[in-house]
Amino acid sequence: MQKMRGRTLGIDQGEHQLFSDFQHGGDMWTGKGPRERRKRINFSEAFVNKPVVQVALSLWDVSNGSNLRADIAAEKVTEDGFDLVFRTWQDSQVARVRLSWIAFGEIDDEDAWDVP
């Protein structure tokens, strides 16, 4: 468990359309080629330590002619940002995906005094 003082809790959030493959016959829609998309997300300001990041699907447009498979994640999390990741496999046909995210972590307290 990560414990933080209440005044130094920072929350950052956002949303990103990771891909839209159906219009141009991309890999996610045709089921051929790489079945992973990732996007580096930079926080609006750096956290003191590596924050906790939660990722969720906010839009998922898929074919009903195949099984629905998805793995979403926040990878390579640092104080400055993380990789937003979507993966699918086998016969799943995914037209487009939008992911939302929220990060919780400790931030600098500009009112804190650093007394030696």
C-alpha atoms as a PDB file:
ATOM      1  CA  MET A   1       0.000   0.000   0.000  1.00  0.00           C
ATOM      2  CA  GLN A   2       1.231   3.449  -0.880  1.00  0.00           C
ATOM      3  CA  LYS A   3       0.589   6.013   1.882  1.00  0.00           C
ATOM      4  CA  MET A   4       0.572   9.764   1.265  1.00  0.00           C
ATOM      5  CA  ARG A   5      -0.066  12.859   3.335  1.00  0.00           C
ATOM      6  CA  GLY A   6      -3.411  14.426   2.395  1.00  0.00           C
ATOM      7  CA  ARG A   7      -2.062  17.827   1.314  1.00  0.00           C
ATOM      8  CA  THR A   8       0.412  16.292  -1.098  1.00  0.00           C
ATOM      9  CA  LEU A   9      -1.950  14.021  -3.018  1.00  0.00           C
ATOM     10  CA  GLY A  10      -1.975  14.810  -6.725  1.00  0.00           C
ATOM     11  CA  ILE A  11      -4.497  13.494  -9.242  1.00  0.00           C
ATOM     12  CA  ASP A  12      -4.037  13.759 -13.007  1.00  0.00           C
ATOM     13  CA  GLN A  13      -6.383  12.319 -15.616  1.00  0.00           C
ATOM     14  CA  GLY A  14      -7.030  12.185 -19.315  1.00  0.00           C
ATOM     15  CA  GLU A  15      -8.401  10.334 -22.306  1.00  0.00           C
ATOM     16  CA  HIS A  16      -6.827   9.314 -25.600  1.00  0.00           C
ATOM     17  CA  GLN A  17      -8.166   7.689 -28.773  1.00  0.00           C
ATOM     18  CA  LEU A  18      -5.500   5.071 -29.304  1.00  0.00           C
ATOM     19  CA  PHE A  19      -6.467   4.099 -32.852  1.00  0.00           C
ATOM     20  CA  SER A  20      -9.194   4.108 -35.481  1.00  0.00           C
ATOM     21  CA  ASP A  21      -8.386   1.293 -37.931  1.00  0.00           C
ATOM     22  CA  PHE A  22     -11.669   0.522 -39.699  1.00  0.00           C
ATOM     23  CA  GLN A  23     -11.550   3.503 -42.088  1.00  0.00           C
ATOM     24  CA  HIS A  24      -8.263   2.475 -43.687  1.00  0.00           C
ATOM     25  CA  GLY A  25      -8.211  -1.296 -43.092  1.00  0.00           C
ATOM     26  CA  GLY A  26      -5.611  -1.193 -40.329  1.00  0.00           C
ATOM     27  CA  ASP A  27      -4.153  -4.155 -38.456  1.00  0.00           C
ATOM     28  CA  MET A  28      -6.592  -4.082 -35.563  1.00  0.00           C
ATOM     29  CA  TRP A  29      -9.571  -4.218 -37.927  1.00  0.00           C
ATOM     30  CA  THR A  30      -8.242  -6.796 -40.409  1.00  0.00           C
ATOM     31  CA  GLY A  31      -6.678  -9.017 -37.745  1.00  0.00           C
ATOM     32  CA  LYS A  32      -3.324  -9.106 -39.513  1.00  0.00           C
ATOM     33  CA  GLY A  33      -0.038  -7.633 -38.337  1.00  0.00           C
ATOM     34  CA  PRO A  34       0.801  -6.141 -34.941  1.00  0.00           C
ATOM     35  CA  ARG A  35      -2.090  -6.370 -32.518  1.00  0.00           C
ATOM     36  CA  GLU A  36      -0.785  -3.906 -29.977  1.00  0.00           C
ATOM     37  CA  ARG A  37      -0.993  -0.131 -29.778  1.00  0.00           C
ATOM     38  CA  ARG A  38       0.770   2.032 -27.238  1.00  0.00           C
ATOM     39  CA  LYS A  39       1.008   5.745 -26.601  1.00  0.00           C
ATOM     40  CA  ARG A  40       3.323   7.563 -24.215  1.00  0.00           C
ATOM     41  CA  ILE A  41       1.317   9.809 -21.885  1.00  0.00           C
ATOM     42  CA  ASN A  42       3.077  12.647 -20.064  1.00  0.00           C
ATOM     43  CA  PHE A  43       1.565  13.921 -16.826  1.00  0.00           C
ATOM     44  CA  SER A  44       0.729  17.626 -16.604  1.00  0.00           C
ATOM     45  CA  GLU A  45       3.409  17.848 -13.905  1.00  0.00           C
ATOM     46  CA  ALA A  46       5.751  15.300 -12.363  1.00  0.00           C
ATOM     47  CA  PHE A  47       4.862  13.313  -9.257  1.00  0.00           C
ATOM     48  CA  VAL A  48       7.411  12.929  -6.423  1.00  0.00           C
ATOM     49  CA  ASN A  49       7.305   9.110  -6.732  1.00  0.00           C
ATOM     50  CA  LYS A  50       5.882   6.682  -9.251  1.00  0.00           C
ATOM     51  CA  PRO A  51       2.067   7.158  -9.050  1.00  0.00           C
ATOM     52  CA  VAL A  52      -0.687   4.570  -9.199  1.00  0.00           C
ATOM     53  CA  VAL A  53      -2.328   4.618 -12.667  1.00  0.00           C
ATOM     54  CA  GLN A  54      -5.747   3.156 -13.509  1.00  0.00           C
ATOM     55  CA  VAL A  55      -6.787   2.619 -17.144  1.00  0.00           C
ATOM     56  CA  ALA A  56     -10.323   2.033 -18.462  1.00  0.00           C
ATOM     57  CA  LEU A  57     -12.046   1.604 -21.826  1.00  0.00           C
ATOM     58  CA  SER A  58     -14.129   4.685 -22.605  1.00  0.00           C
ATOM     59  CA  LEU A  59     -14.935   3.668 -26.215  1.00  0.00           C
ATOM     60  CA  TRP A  60     -14.727   0.243 -27.781  1.00  0.00           C
ATOM     61  CA  ASP A  61     -16.015  -0.236 -31.346  1.00  0.00           C
ATOM     62  CA  VAL A  62     -15.748  -3.905 -32.368  1.00  0.00           C
ATOM     63  CA  SER A  63     -17.090  -6.363 -34.910  1.00  0.00           C
ATOM     64  CA  ASN A  64     -19.825  -8.708 -33.744  1.00  0.00           C
ATOM     65  CA  GLY A  65     -18.534 -11.367 -36.143  1.00  0.00           C
ATOM     66  CA  SER A  66     -15.654 -12.477 -33.918  1.00  0.00           C
ATOM     67  CA  ASN A  67     -14.750 -12.990 -30.285  1.00  0.00           C
ATOM     68  CA  LEU A  68     -14.034  -9.885 -28.238  1.00  0.00           C
ATOM     69  CA  ARG A  69     -10.588  -9.915 -26.658  1.00  0.00           C
ATOM     70  CA  ALA A  70      -8.756  -7.033 -25.022  1.00  0.00           C
ATOM     71  CA  ASP A  71      -5.924  -6.404 -22.631  1.00  0.00           C
ATOM     72  CA  ILE A  72      -5.460  -2.797 -21.484  1.00  0.00           C
ATOM     73  CA  ALA A  73      -2.675  -1.584 -19.230  1.00  0.00           C
ATOM     74  CA  ALA A  74      -0.520   1.228 -17.936  1.00  0.00           C
ATOM     75  CA  GLU A  75       3.086   0.157 -18.496  1.00  0.00           C
ATOM     76  CA  LYS A  76       6.493   1.774 -17.896  1.00  0.00           C
ATOM     77  CA  VAL A  77       5.027   4.078 -15.233  1.00  0.00           C
ATOM     78  CA  THR A  78       7.430   6.797 -14.029  1.00  0.00           C
ATOM     79  CA  GLU A  79       7.081  10.056 -12.129  1.00  0.00           C
ATOM     80  CA  ASP A  80       6.672  11.850 -15.495  1.00  0.00           C
ATOM     81  CA  GLY A  81       4.297   9.566 -17.410  1.00  0.00           C
ATOM     82  CA  PHE A  82       3.441   6.065 -18.620  1.00  0.00           C
ATOM     83  CA  ASP A  83       2.641   3.973 -21.695  1.00  0.00           C
ATOM     84  CA  LEU A  84      -1.061   3.513 -22.422  1.00  0.00           C
ATOM     85  CA  VAL A  85      -1.401   0.020 -23.961  1.00  0.00           C
ATOM     86  CA  PHE A  86      -4.147  -1.908 -25.782  1.00  0.00           C
ATOM     87  CA  ARG A  87      -3.712  -5.471 -27.067  1.00  0.00           C
ATOM     88  CA  THR A  88      -5.971  -7.952 -28.820  1.00  0.00           C
ATOM     89  CA  TRP A  89      -5.331 -11.327 -30.482  1.00  0.00           C
ATOM     90  CA  GLN A  90      -6.619 -14.143 -32.707  1.00  0.00           C
ATOM     91  CA  ASP A  91      -9.769 -13.273 -34.736  1.00  0.00           C
ATOM     92  CA  SER A  92     -10.884 -10.194 -32.770  1.00  0.00           C
ATOM     93  CA  GLN A  93     -11.684  -7.242 -35.030  1.00  0.00           C
ATOM     94  CA  VAL A  94     -11.399  -3.895 -33.288  1.00  0.00           C
ATOM     95  CA  ALA A  95     -12.378  -0.782 -35.219  1.00  0.00           C
ATOM     96  CA  ARG A  96     -11.341   1.827 -32.657  1.00  0.00           C
ATOM     97  CA  VAL A  97     -10.504   2.276 -29.016  1.00  0.00           C
ATOM     98  CA  ARG A  98     -10.440   5.231 -26.666  1.00  0.00           C
ATOM     99  CA  LEU A  99      -8.911   4.785 -23.216  1.00  0.00           C
ATOM    100  CA  SER A 100      -9.273   6.983 -20.166  1.00  0.00           C
ATOM    101  CA  TRP A 101      -6.785   7.090 -17.306  1.00  0.00           C
ATOM    102  CA  ILE A 102      -6.325   8.516 -13.852  1.00  0.00           C
ATOM    103  CA  ALA A 103      -3.113   8.753 -11.832  1.00  0.00           C
ATOM    104  CA  PHE A 104      -2.831   9.205  -8.048  1.00  0.00           C
ATOM    105  CA  GLY A 105       0.438  10.038  -6.364  1.00  0.00           C
ATOM    106  CA  GLU A 106       2.448  12.279  -4.129  1.00  0.00           C
ATOM    107  CA  ILE A 107       3.291  15.773  -5.366  1.00  0.00           C
ATOM    108  CA  ASP A 108       5.558  18.485  -3.990  1.00  0.00           C
ATOM    109  CA  ASP A 109       4.043  20.602  -1.232  1.00  0.00           C
ATOM    110  CA  GLU A 110       5.244  24.125  -1.986  1.00  0.00           C
ATOM    111  CA  ASP A 111       4.264  25.211   1.541  1.00  0.00           C
ATOM    112  CA  ALA A 112       6.426  22.524   3.191  1.00  0.00           C
ATOM    113  CA  TRP A 113       9.659  23.677   4.774  1.00  0.00           C
ATOM    114  CA  ASP A 114      12.811  21.664   4.361  1.00  0.00           C
ATOM    115  CA  VAL A 115      14.635  22.449   7.622  1.00  0.00           C
ATOM    116  CA  PRO A 116      18.085  20.824   7.972  1.00  0.00           C
END
